[in-house]
Amino acid sequence: MTEPLRDAVPPVPHIARERIQLVDDRNRPCGSAWRATMRRFRLWHRATYVVVRNARGELCVQRRTLTKEVFPGGLDLAAGGVVGAGEAVHLAARRELAEELGIRGVPLTPAGGFVHAQDGHHIFGSLFLVDHDGPLELQAEEVAEAFWVPPAEALALEGVTPDTRQAVEALRDAGLLEAAP
């Protein structure tokens, strides 16, 4: 006899209670809001995208946990997240990289930015590159697994979050993924 499918109900998404830096449609700071308010009203905000590359030129791909508020279970091609109220983007990038993958003390290479305005998301993304061959310490609340693949294969994966796909495409189009680590 089989067990009923009572565990088939997806977990409830977790929305962190934190203040987010809001910006206008020209990326000028214009206040802050709780994360839930920013999501509900689809407000413009900043986010960081740290693409992690190893010595073989492969990218670190993360599977999001099922409790993520946006794209649960999706694949991220970059570490990162929203910028907190009053937080500098490079500090937010360092914080997110340490939280999600346990990578600390490595140089961040600024790699430009992009605008992601799709499906109710309004983001000014700041791009960074990191070269890393050491161990990863995954944040259990946000990262279910991580694996390494070449950039072209990463972009071809099903289920990649649209904003991290756009981030890696921007790096590829700028010729920054081919640079020797």
N, C-alpha and C. Protein backbone atom coordinates (compact mmCIF):
# COMPACT_ATOMS: atom_id res chain seq x y z
N MET A 1 0.83 -1.17 0.00
CA MET A 1 0.00 0.00 0.00
C MET A 1 0.89 1.25 0.00
N THR A 2 0.55 2.23 -0.83
CA THR A 2 1.37 3.44 -0.93
C THR A 2 0.92 4.49 0.06
N GLU A 3 1.84 5.33 0.43
CA GLU A 3 1.59 6.43 1.37
C GLU A 3 0.83 7.54 0.65
N PRO A 4 -0.15 8.18 1.29
CA PRO A 4 -0.85 9.29 0.64
C PRO A 4 0.10 10.42 0.28
N LEU A 5 -0.31 11.25 -0.67
CA LEU A 5 0.54 12.33 -1.15
C LEU A 5 0.44 13.59 -0.28
N ARG A 6 0.36 13.42 1.01
CA ARG A 6 0.24 14.58 1.89
C ARG A 6 1.49 15.45 1.86
N ASP A 7 2.64 14.89 1.51
CA ASP A 7 3.87 15.67 1.45
C ASP A 7 4.05 16.36 0.10
N ALA A 8 3.10 16.20 -0.82
CA ALA A 8 3.23 16.79 -2.14
C ALA A 8 2.90 18.29 -2.15
N VAL A 9 2.39 18.83 -1.06
CA VAL A 9 2.08 20.25 -0.98
C VAL A 9 3.40 21.02 -0.91
N PRO A 10 3.57 22.02 -1.80
CA PRO A 10 4.85 22.75 -1.77
C PRO A 10 5.01 23.53 -0.47
N PRO A 11 6.24 23.71 -0.02
CA PRO A 11 6.46 24.46 1.21
C PRO A 11 6.05 25.92 1.05
N VAL A 12 5.74 26.55 2.15
CA VAL A 12 5.35 27.96 2.15
C VAL A 12 6.61 28.80 1.92
N PRO A 13 6.55 29.73 0.95
CA PRO A 13 7.72 30.59 0.71
C PRO A 13 8.02 31.45 1.93
N HIS A 14 9.29 31.68 2.15
CA HIS A 14 9.73 32.53 3.25
C HIS A 14 10.16 33.88 2.69
N ILE A 15 9.54 34.96 3.20
CA ILE A 15 9.93 36.31 2.80
C ILE A 15 10.60 36.97 3.99
N ALA A 16 11.89 37.22 3.84
CA ALA A 16 12.65 37.83 4.93
C ALA A 16 12.10 39.21 5.27
N ARG A 17 12.10 39.52 6.55
CA ARG A 17 11.64 40.85 6.99
C ARG A 17 12.87 41.75 7.05
N GLU A 18 13.10 42.45 5.95
CA GLU A 18 14.24 43.36 5.87
C GLU A 18 13.88 44.55 4.99
N ARG A 19 14.56 45.66 5.25
CA ARG A 19 14.33 46.88 4.47
C ARG A 19 15.19 46.82 3.21
N ILE A 20 14.57 47.16 2.09
CA ILE A 20 15.22 47.11 0.78
C ILE A 20 15.40 48.52 0.26
N GLN A 21 16.54 48.79 -0.38
CA GLN A 21 16.78 50.08 -1.01
C GLN A 21 15.91 50.20 -2.26
N LEU A 22 15.04 51.18 -2.27
CA LEU A 22 14.23 51.45 -3.46
C LEU A 22 14.93 52.51 -4.31
N VAL A 23 14.71 52.41 -5.62
CA VAL A 23 15.24 53.40 -6.55
C VAL A 23 14.14 53.76 -7.54
N ASP A 24 14.34 54.86 -8.25
CA ASP A 24 13.37 55.22 -9.28
C ASP A 24 13.78 54.54 -10.58
N ASP A 25 13.08 54.86 -11.66
CA ASP A 25 13.36 54.19 -12.93
C ASP A 25 14.65 54.66 -13.59
N ARG A 26 15.42 55.50 -12.89
CA ARG A 26 16.75 55.92 -13.34
C ARG A 26 17.83 55.47 -12.37
N ASN A 27 17.46 54.60 -11.43
CA ASN A 27 18.37 54.04 -10.44
C ASN A 27 18.83 55.06 -9.41
N ARG A 28 18.00 56.04 -9.12
CA ARG A 28 18.29 57.02 -8.07
C ARG A 28 17.58 56.60 -6.79
N PRO A 29 18.29 56.54 -5.66
CA PRO A 29 17.64 56.16 -4.40
C PRO A 29 16.43 57.04 -4.10
N CYS A 30 15.36 56.40 -3.65
CA CYS A 30 14.13 57.16 -3.36
C CYS A 30 13.41 56.58 -2.14
N GLY A 31 14.19 56.04 -1.21
CA GLY A 31 13.58 55.53 0.00
C GLY A 31 13.83 54.04 0.17
N SER A 32 13.05 53.46 1.07
CA SER A 32 13.18 52.03 1.33
C SER A 32 11.80 51.47 1.63
N ALA A 33 11.72 50.15 1.61
CA ALA A 33 10.46 49.47 1.93
C ALA A 33 10.80 48.08 2.45
N TRP A 34 9.85 47.48 3.15
CA TRP A 34 10.02 46.09 3.54
C TRP A 34 10.03 45.23 2.27
N ARG A 35 10.73 44.15 2.31
CA ARG A 35 10.84 43.26 1.15
C ARG A 35 9.46 42.85 0.63
N ALA A 36 8.55 42.49 1.52
CA ALA A 36 7.21 42.06 1.10
C ALA A 36 6.48 43.18 0.35
N THR A 37 6.65 44.41 0.80
CA THR A 37 6.02 45.55 0.12
C THR A 37 6.63 45.76 -1.25
N MET A 38 7.96 45.67 -1.34
CA MET A 38 8.66 45.80 -2.62
C MET A 38 8.14 44.77 -3.61
N ARG A 39 7.98 43.52 -3.17
CA ARG A 39 7.48 42.45 -4.04
C ARG A 39 6.02 42.71 -4.44
N ARG A 40 5.20 43.05 -3.45
CA ARG A 40 3.76 43.22 -3.70
C ARG A 40 3.49 44.31 -4.73
N PHE A 41 4.20 45.44 -4.60
CA PHE A 41 3.96 46.57 -5.49
C PHE A 41 4.93 46.64 -6.66
N ARG A 42 5.80 45.62 -6.76
CA ARG A 42 6.72 45.50 -7.90
C ARG A 42 7.56 46.75 -8.09
N LEU A 43 8.17 47.18 -7.00
CA LEU A 43 8.93 48.44 -6.99
C LEU A 43 10.34 48.24 -7.53
N TRP A 44 10.88 49.31 -8.13
CA TRP A 44 12.26 49.30 -8.60
C TRP A 44 13.20 49.17 -7.40
N HIS A 45 14.21 48.34 -7.55
CA HIS A 45 15.21 48.14 -6.50
C HIS A 45 16.52 47.71 -7.13
N ARG A 46 17.54 47.58 -6.31
CA ARG A 46 18.86 47.14 -6.77
C ARG A 46 19.10 45.71 -6.31
N ALA A 47 19.88 44.99 -7.10
CA ALA A 47 20.30 43.64 -6.72
C ALA A 47 21.72 43.40 -7.23
N THR A 48 22.39 42.48 -6.57
CA THR A 48 23.75 42.12 -6.98
C THR A 48 23.75 40.73 -7.61
N TYR A 49 24.68 40.53 -8.53
CA TYR A 49 24.84 39.26 -9.24
C TYR A 49 26.33 38.96 -9.29
N VAL A 50 26.76 37.96 -8.53
CA VAL A 50 28.16 37.57 -8.47
C VAL A 50 28.32 36.25 -9.20
N VAL A 51 28.93 36.29 -10.37
CA VAL A 51 29.15 35.08 -11.15
C VAL A 51 30.46 34.47 -10.68
N VAL A 52 30.39 33.24 -10.21
CA VAL A 52 31.55 32.55 -9.65
C VAL A 52 32.08 31.58 -10.69
N ARG A 53 33.38 31.72 -10.99
CA ARG A 53 34.03 30.93 -12.03
C ARG A 53 35.21 30.19 -11.43
N ASN A 54 35.42 28.94 -11.88
CA ASN A 54 36.59 28.19 -11.40
C ASN A 54 37.72 28.27 -12.44
N ALA A 55 38.86 27.64 -12.14
CA ALA A 55 40.03 27.72 -13.02
C ALA A 55 39.78 27.09 -14.39
N ARG A 56 38.78 26.20 -14.49
CA ARG A 56 38.44 25.59 -15.78
C ARG A 56 37.48 26.47 -16.59
N GLY A 57 37.10 27.62 -16.03
CA GLY A 57 36.18 28.52 -16.70
C GLY A 57 34.72 28.14 -16.52
N GLU A 58 34.44 27.18 -15.65
CA GLU A 58 33.06 26.76 -15.39
C GLU A 58 32.40 27.72 -14.41
N LEU A 59 31.09 27.81 -14.51
CA LEU A 59 30.31 28.67 -13.62
C LEU A 59 29.67 27.84 -12.53
N CYS A 60 29.56 28.42 -11.36
CA CYS A 60 28.86 27.79 -10.25
C CYS A 60 27.37 28.05 -10.43
N VAL A 61 26.60 26.97 -10.53
CA VAL A 61 25.14 27.04 -10.68
C VAL A 61 24.53 26.57 -9.36
N GLN A 62 23.57 27.32 -8.87
CA GLN A 62 22.91 26.99 -7.61
C GLN A 62 21.44 26.64 -7.86
N ARG A 63 20.98 25.59 -7.22
CA ARG A 63 19.54 25.31 -7.22
C ARG A 63 18.94 25.97 -5.99
N ARG A 64 17.93 26.80 -6.23
CA ARG A 64 17.24 27.51 -5.15
C ARG A 64 16.39 26.53 -4.35
N THR A 65 16.26 26.78 -3.06
CA THR A 65 15.38 25.94 -2.24
C THR A 65 13.93 26.19 -2.64
N LEU A 66 13.07 25.28 -2.24
CA LEU A 66 11.64 25.40 -2.55
C LEU A 66 10.94 26.45 -1.70
N THR A 67 11.63 26.99 -0.70
CA THR A 67 11.02 28.02 0.13
C THR A 67 11.40 29.43 -0.31
N LYS A 68 12.14 29.56 -1.39
CA LYS A 68 12.48 30.90 -1.90
C LYS A 68 11.21 31.59 -2.36
N GLU A 69 11.10 32.89 -2.11
CA GLU A 69 9.89 33.64 -2.44
C GLU A 69 9.69 33.80 -3.94
N VAL A 70 10.77 33.86 -4.70
CA VAL A 70 10.73 34.04 -6.15
C VAL A 70 11.47 32.87 -6.79
N PHE A 71 10.90 32.29 -7.81
CA PHE A 71 11.50 31.17 -8.56
C PHE A 71 11.96 30.02 -7.65
N PRO A 72 11.09 29.51 -6.78
CA PRO A 72 11.49 28.39 -5.92
C PRO A 72 11.90 27.18 -6.76
N GLY A 73 13.02 26.56 -6.38
CA GLY A 73 13.52 25.40 -7.10
C GLY A 73 14.24 25.72 -8.40
N GLY A 74 14.31 26.99 -8.76
CA GLY A 74 14.97 27.39 -10.01
C GLY A 74 16.48 27.33 -9.89
N LEU A 75 17.14 27.56 -11.01
CA LEU A 75 18.60 27.56 -11.06
C LEU A 75 19.12 28.98 -11.17
N ASP A 76 20.05 29.32 -10.31
CA ASP A 76 20.71 30.63 -10.35
C ASP A 76 22.10 30.46 -10.94
N LEU A 77 22.44 31.35 -11.87
CA LEU A 77 23.77 31.34 -12.48
C LEU A 77 24.70 32.33 -11.78
N ALA A 78 24.20 32.95 -10.72
CA ALA A 78 24.99 33.90 -9.94
C ALA A 78 24.53 33.87 -8.50
N ALA A 79 25.45 34.14 -7.61
CA ALA A 79 25.08 34.38 -6.21
C ALA A 79 24.65 35.84 -6.13
N GLY A 80 23.89 36.18 -5.12
CA GLY A 80 23.52 37.58 -4.97
C GLY A 80 22.13 37.74 -4.44
N GLY A 81 21.67 38.97 -4.48
CA GLY A 81 20.33 39.26 -3.99
C GLY A 81 20.10 40.74 -3.91
N VAL A 82 18.98 41.09 -3.29
CA VAL A 82 18.59 42.49 -3.20
C VAL A 82 19.52 43.26 -2.28
N VAL A 83 19.65 44.55 -2.56
CA VAL A 83 20.50 45.44 -1.79
C VAL A 83 19.67 46.04 -0.66
N GLY A 84 20.18 45.95 0.54
CA GLY A 84 19.49 46.49 1.70
C GLY A 84 19.46 48.01 1.70
N ALA A 85 18.54 48.56 2.46
CA ALA A 85 18.41 50.01 2.57
C ALA A 85 19.72 50.63 3.03
N GLY A 86 20.24 51.60 2.27
CA GLY A 86 21.47 52.29 2.61
C GLY A 86 22.74 51.49 2.37
N GLU A 87 22.64 50.29 1.81
CA GLU A 87 23.80 49.41 1.61
C GLU A 87 24.45 49.69 0.25
N ALA A 88 25.76 49.73 0.22
CA ALA A 88 26.49 49.87 -1.05
C ALA A 88 26.43 48.54 -1.80
N VAL A 89 26.37 48.60 -3.14
CA VAL A 89 26.20 47.37 -3.91
C VAL A 89 27.38 46.42 -3.75
N HIS A 90 28.61 46.93 -3.66
CA HIS A 90 29.75 46.02 -3.51
C HIS A 90 29.72 45.31 -2.16
N LEU A 91 29.23 46.00 -1.12
CA LEU A 91 29.11 45.36 0.18
C LEU A 91 27.99 44.33 0.18
N ALA A 92 26.89 44.64 -0.51
CA ALA A 92 25.80 43.67 -0.65
C ALA A 92 26.28 42.43 -1.40
N ALA A 93 27.09 42.63 -2.43
CA ALA A 93 27.62 41.50 -3.20
C ALA A 93 28.50 40.61 -2.32
N ARG A 94 29.39 41.21 -1.54
CA ARG A 94 30.24 40.44 -0.62
C ARG A 94 29.40 39.67 0.40
N ARG A 95 28.40 40.34 0.95
CA ARG A 95 27.53 39.72 1.96
C ARG A 95 26.81 38.52 1.37
N GLU A 96 26.20 38.70 0.21
CA GLU A 96 25.44 37.62 -0.42
C GLU A 96 26.34 36.45 -0.80
N LEU A 97 27.52 36.73 -1.32
CA LEU A 97 28.46 35.68 -1.69
C LEU A 97 28.87 34.85 -0.47
N ALA A 98 29.13 35.52 0.64
CA ALA A 98 29.49 34.82 1.88
C ALA A 98 28.31 34.02 2.42
N GLU A 99 27.12 34.62 2.40
CA GLU A 99 25.94 33.93 2.94
C GLU A 99 25.58 32.70 2.12
N GLU A 100 25.49 32.86 0.81
CA GLU A 100 24.98 31.78 -0.04
C GLU A 100 25.99 30.67 -0.28
N LEU A 101 27.26 31.03 -0.53
CA LEU A 101 28.25 30.03 -0.93
C LEU A 101 29.42 29.91 0.04
N GLY A 102 29.47 30.74 1.07
CA GLY A 102 30.56 30.67 2.03
C GLY A 102 31.89 31.16 1.49
N ILE A 103 31.86 31.94 0.42
CA ILE A 103 33.09 32.46 -0.19
C ILE A 103 33.39 33.83 0.43
N ARG A 104 34.57 33.91 1.07
CA ARG A 104 34.97 35.14 1.74
C ARG A 104 36.41 35.48 1.38
N GLY A 105 36.73 36.76 1.41
CA GLY A 105 38.12 37.20 1.25
C GLY A 105 38.69 37.07 -0.14
N VAL A 106 37.84 36.96 -1.15
CA VAL A 106 38.33 36.90 -2.53
C VAL A 106 38.00 38.22 -3.22
N PRO A 107 38.84 38.64 -4.17
CA PRO A 107 38.56 39.90 -4.86
C PRO A 107 37.31 39.80 -5.74
N LEU A 108 36.46 40.82 -5.65
CA LEU A 108 35.32 40.95 -6.54
C LEU A 108 35.73 41.85 -7.70
N THR A 109 35.48 41.40 -8.90
CA THR A 109 35.76 42.22 -10.08
C THR A 109 34.46 42.83 -10.57
N PRO A 110 34.30 44.16 -10.47
CA PRO A 110 33.09 44.78 -11.00
C PRO A 110 33.01 44.54 -12.51
N ALA A 111 31.82 44.21 -13.00
CA ALA A 111 31.67 43.85 -14.41
C ALA A 111 30.46 44.54 -15.05
N GLY A 112 30.12 45.73 -14.56
CA GLY A 112 29.03 46.48 -15.17
C GLY A 112 27.69 46.20 -14.53
N GLY A 113 26.67 46.46 -15.31
CA GLY A 113 25.32 46.28 -14.79
C GLY A 113 24.32 46.11 -15.91
N PHE A 114 23.08 45.91 -15.53
CA PHE A 114 22.01 45.72 -16.49
C PHE A 114 20.69 46.05 -15.82
N VAL A 115 19.67 46.22 -16.63
CA VAL A 115 18.33 46.47 -16.13
C VAL A 115 17.48 45.25 -16.46
N HIS A 116 16.81 44.75 -15.45
CA HIS A 116 15.90 43.61 -15.65
C HIS A 116 14.49 44.08 -15.32
N ALA A 117 13.66 44.20 -16.34
CA ALA A 117 12.27 44.62 -16.17
C ALA A 117 11.41 43.61 -16.92
N GLN A 118 11.00 42.59 -16.20
CA GLN A 118 10.27 41.48 -16.81
C GLN A 118 9.36 40.84 -15.78
N ASP A 119 8.16 40.49 -16.18
CA ASP A 119 7.22 39.75 -15.33
C ASP A 119 7.05 40.36 -13.94
N GLY A 120 6.97 41.69 -13.89
CA GLY A 120 6.75 42.35 -12.61
C GLY A 120 8.00 42.60 -11.78
N HIS A 121 9.15 42.20 -12.26
CA HIS A 121 10.41 42.45 -11.56
C HIS A 121 11.05 43.70 -12.17
N HIS A 122 11.50 44.61 -11.32
CA HIS A 122 12.10 45.87 -11.76
C HIS A 122 13.42 46.06 -11.01
N ILE A 123 14.50 45.64 -11.66
CA ILE A 123 15.79 45.51 -10.99
C ILE A 123 16.88 46.24 -11.75
N PHE A 124 17.70 46.98 -11.03
CA PHE A 124 18.97 47.46 -11.54
C PHE A 124 20.02 46.51 -10.98
N GLY A 125 20.60 45.69 -11.86
CA GLY A 125 21.55 44.67 -11.44
C GLY A 125 22.98 45.14 -11.54
N SER A 126 23.76 44.89 -10.50
CA SER A 126 25.20 45.16 -10.50
C SER A 126 25.93 43.84 -10.62
N LEU A 127 26.78 43.74 -11.63
CA LEU A 127 27.49 42.49 -11.94
C LEU A 127 28.90 42.47 -11.36
N PHE A 128 29.27 41.30 -10.86
CA PHE A 128 30.62 41.08 -10.36
C PHE A 128 31.07 39.69 -10.79
N LEU A 129 32.37 39.53 -10.98
CA LEU A 129 32.99 38.23 -11.25
C LEU A 129 33.90 37.86 -10.08
N VAL A 130 33.92 36.57 -9.76
CA VAL A 130 34.80 36.04 -8.73
C VAL A 130 35.41 34.75 -9.25
N ASP A 131 36.71 34.60 -9.07
CA ASP A 131 37.38 33.34 -9.40
C ASP A 131 37.59 32.59 -8.10
N HIS A 132 37.11 31.33 -8.08
CA HIS A 132 37.16 30.56 -6.83
C HIS A 132 37.25 29.07 -7.14
N ASP A 133 38.24 28.43 -6.53
CA ASP A 133 38.39 26.98 -6.66
C ASP A 133 38.32 26.27 -5.32
N GLY A 134 38.03 26.99 -4.28
CA GLY A 134 37.97 26.38 -2.95
C GLY A 134 36.62 25.74 -2.69
N PRO A 135 36.45 25.29 -1.47
CA PRO A 135 35.18 24.64 -1.11
C PRO A 135 34.04 25.65 -1.04
N LEU A 136 32.83 25.14 -1.13
CA LEU A 136 31.63 25.94 -1.00
C LEU A 136 30.92 25.53 0.28
N GLU A 137 30.35 26.49 0.98
CA GLU A 137 29.52 26.24 2.15
C GLU A 137 28.13 26.79 1.82
N LEU A 138 27.22 25.89 1.45
CA LEU A 138 25.91 26.31 0.98
C LEU A 138 25.00 26.73 2.12
N GLN A 139 24.29 27.83 1.92
CA GLN A 139 23.31 28.31 2.89
C GLN A 139 22.05 27.45 2.76
N ALA A 140 21.77 26.63 3.75
CA ALA A 140 20.69 25.64 3.67
C ALA A 140 19.32 26.27 3.41
N GLU A 141 19.09 27.48 3.90
CA GLU A 141 17.79 28.12 3.72
C GLU A 141 17.56 28.59 2.28
N GLU A 142 18.64 28.81 1.52
CA GLU A 142 18.48 29.38 0.18
C GLU A 142 19.02 28.51 -0.95
N VAL A 143 20.04 27.69 -0.67
CA VAL A 143 20.71 26.94 -1.74
C VAL A 143 20.58 25.44 -1.47
N ALA A 144 19.87 24.75 -2.37
CA ALA A 144 19.66 23.31 -2.21
C ALA A 144 20.87 22.51 -2.67
N GLU A 145 21.53 22.97 -3.73
CA GLU A 145 22.73 22.31 -4.26
C GLU A 145 23.47 23.28 -5.15
N ALA A 146 24.72 22.96 -5.45
CA ALA A 146 25.52 23.75 -6.37
C ALA A 146 26.37 22.80 -7.20
N PHE A 147 26.59 23.18 -8.45
CA PHE A 147 27.41 22.37 -9.36
C PHE A 147 28.06 23.30 -10.38
N TRP A 148 29.06 22.78 -11.09
CA TRP A 148 29.86 23.58 -12.01
C TRP A 148 29.61 23.13 -13.45
N VAL A 149 29.40 24.09 -14.35
CA VAL A 149 29.22 23.78 -15.78
C VAL A 149 29.82 24.91 -16.61
N PRO A 150 30.22 24.60 -17.86
CA PRO A 150 30.71 25.66 -18.75
C PRO A 150 29.60 26.68 -19.03
N PRO A 151 29.98 27.94 -19.31
CA PRO A 151 28.99 28.99 -19.51
C PRO A 151 27.90 28.66 -20.54
N ALA A 152 28.26 28.12 -21.68
CA ALA A 152 27.25 27.82 -22.71
C ALA A 152 26.26 26.78 -22.21
N GLU A 153 26.75 25.79 -21.49
CA GLU A 153 25.85 24.77 -20.92
C GLU A 153 24.96 25.37 -19.83
N ALA A 154 25.52 26.27 -19.04
CA ALA A 154 24.74 26.92 -17.98
C ALA A 154 23.58 27.69 -18.60
N LEU A 155 23.85 28.42 -19.67
CA LEU A 155 22.80 29.21 -20.32
C LEU A 155 21.75 28.33 -20.99
N ALA A 156 22.11 27.10 -21.33
CA ALA A 156 21.18 26.18 -21.98
C ALA A 156 20.33 25.37 -21.00
N LEU A 157 20.63 25.45 -19.73
CA LEU A 157 19.88 24.69 -18.73
C LEU A 157 18.42 25.14 -18.66
N GLU A 158 17.53 24.19 -18.43
CA GLU A 158 16.12 24.50 -18.19
C GLU A 158 15.95 25.01 -16.77
N GLY A 159 15.04 25.94 -16.57
CA GLY A 159 14.73 26.39 -15.22
C GLY A 159 15.64 27.46 -14.66
N VAL A 160 16.46 28.09 -15.51
CA VAL A 160 17.34 29.16 -15.04
C VAL A 160 16.50 30.41 -14.77
N THR A 161 16.76 31.07 -13.66
CA THR A 161 16.03 32.30 -13.34
C THR A 161 16.34 33.36 -14.40
N PRO A 162 15.32 34.09 -14.85
CA PRO A 162 15.52 35.03 -15.97
C PRO A 162 16.54 36.13 -15.68
N ASP A 163 16.61 36.61 -14.45
CA ASP A 163 17.55 37.68 -14.16
C ASP A 163 18.99 37.19 -14.15
N THR A 164 19.26 35.99 -13.61
CA THR A 164 20.65 35.50 -13.63
C THR A 164 21.06 35.07 -15.03
N ARG A 165 20.09 34.61 -15.83
CA ARG A 165 20.40 34.32 -17.24
C ARG A 165 20.83 35.62 -17.93
N GLN A 166 20.08 36.70 -17.71
CA GLN A 166 20.41 37.97 -18.31
C GLN A 166 21.78 38.46 -17.84
N ALA A 167 22.10 38.25 -16.57
CA ALA A 167 23.40 38.65 -16.03
C ALA A 167 24.54 37.94 -16.76
N VAL A 168 24.43 36.63 -16.92
CA VAL A 168 25.49 35.87 -17.59
C VAL A 168 25.54 36.21 -19.07
N GLU A 169 24.40 36.42 -19.69
CA GLU A 169 24.39 36.83 -21.10
C GLU A 169 25.10 38.17 -21.28
N ALA A 170 24.91 39.09 -20.35
CA ALA A 170 25.58 40.39 -20.41
C ALA A 170 27.10 40.22 -20.31
N LEU A 171 27.55 39.34 -19.41
CA LEU A 171 28.99 39.07 -19.30
C LEU A 171 29.53 38.42 -20.57
N ARG A 172 28.77 37.45 -21.09
CA ARG A 172 29.20 36.78 -22.33
C ARG A 172 29.29 37.78 -23.48
N ASP A 173 28.25 38.60 -23.63
CA ASP A 173 28.22 39.56 -24.73
C ASP A 173 29.33 40.60 -24.62
N ALA A 174 29.78 40.91 -23.41
CA ALA A 174 30.87 41.84 -23.19
C ALA A 174 32.24 41.17 -23.32
N GLY A 175 32.26 39.83 -23.55
CA GLY A 175 33.51 39.10 -23.68
C GLY A 175 34.22 38.86 -22.36
N LEU A 176 33.51 38.98 -21.25
CA LEU A 176 34.15 38.85 -19.93
C LEU A 176 34.21 37.42 -19.42
N LEU A 177 33.46 36.50 -20.01
CA LEU A 177 33.52 35.10 -19.53
C LEU A 177 34.71 34.36 -20.10
N GLU A 178 35.24 34.85 -21.19
CA GLU A 178 36.39 34.17 -21.82
C GLU A 178 37.72 34.53 -21.16
N ALA A 179 37.71 35.58 -20.34
CA ALA A 179 38.95 36.01 -19.71
C ALA A 179 39.51 34.89 -18.85
N ALA A 180 40.82 34.74 -18.89
CA ALA A 180 41.47 33.68 -18.11
C ALA A 180 41.32 33.97 -16.63
N PRO A 181 40.86 32.98 -15.84
CA PRO A 181 40.75 33.18 -14.39
C PRO A 181 42.11 33.38 -13.76
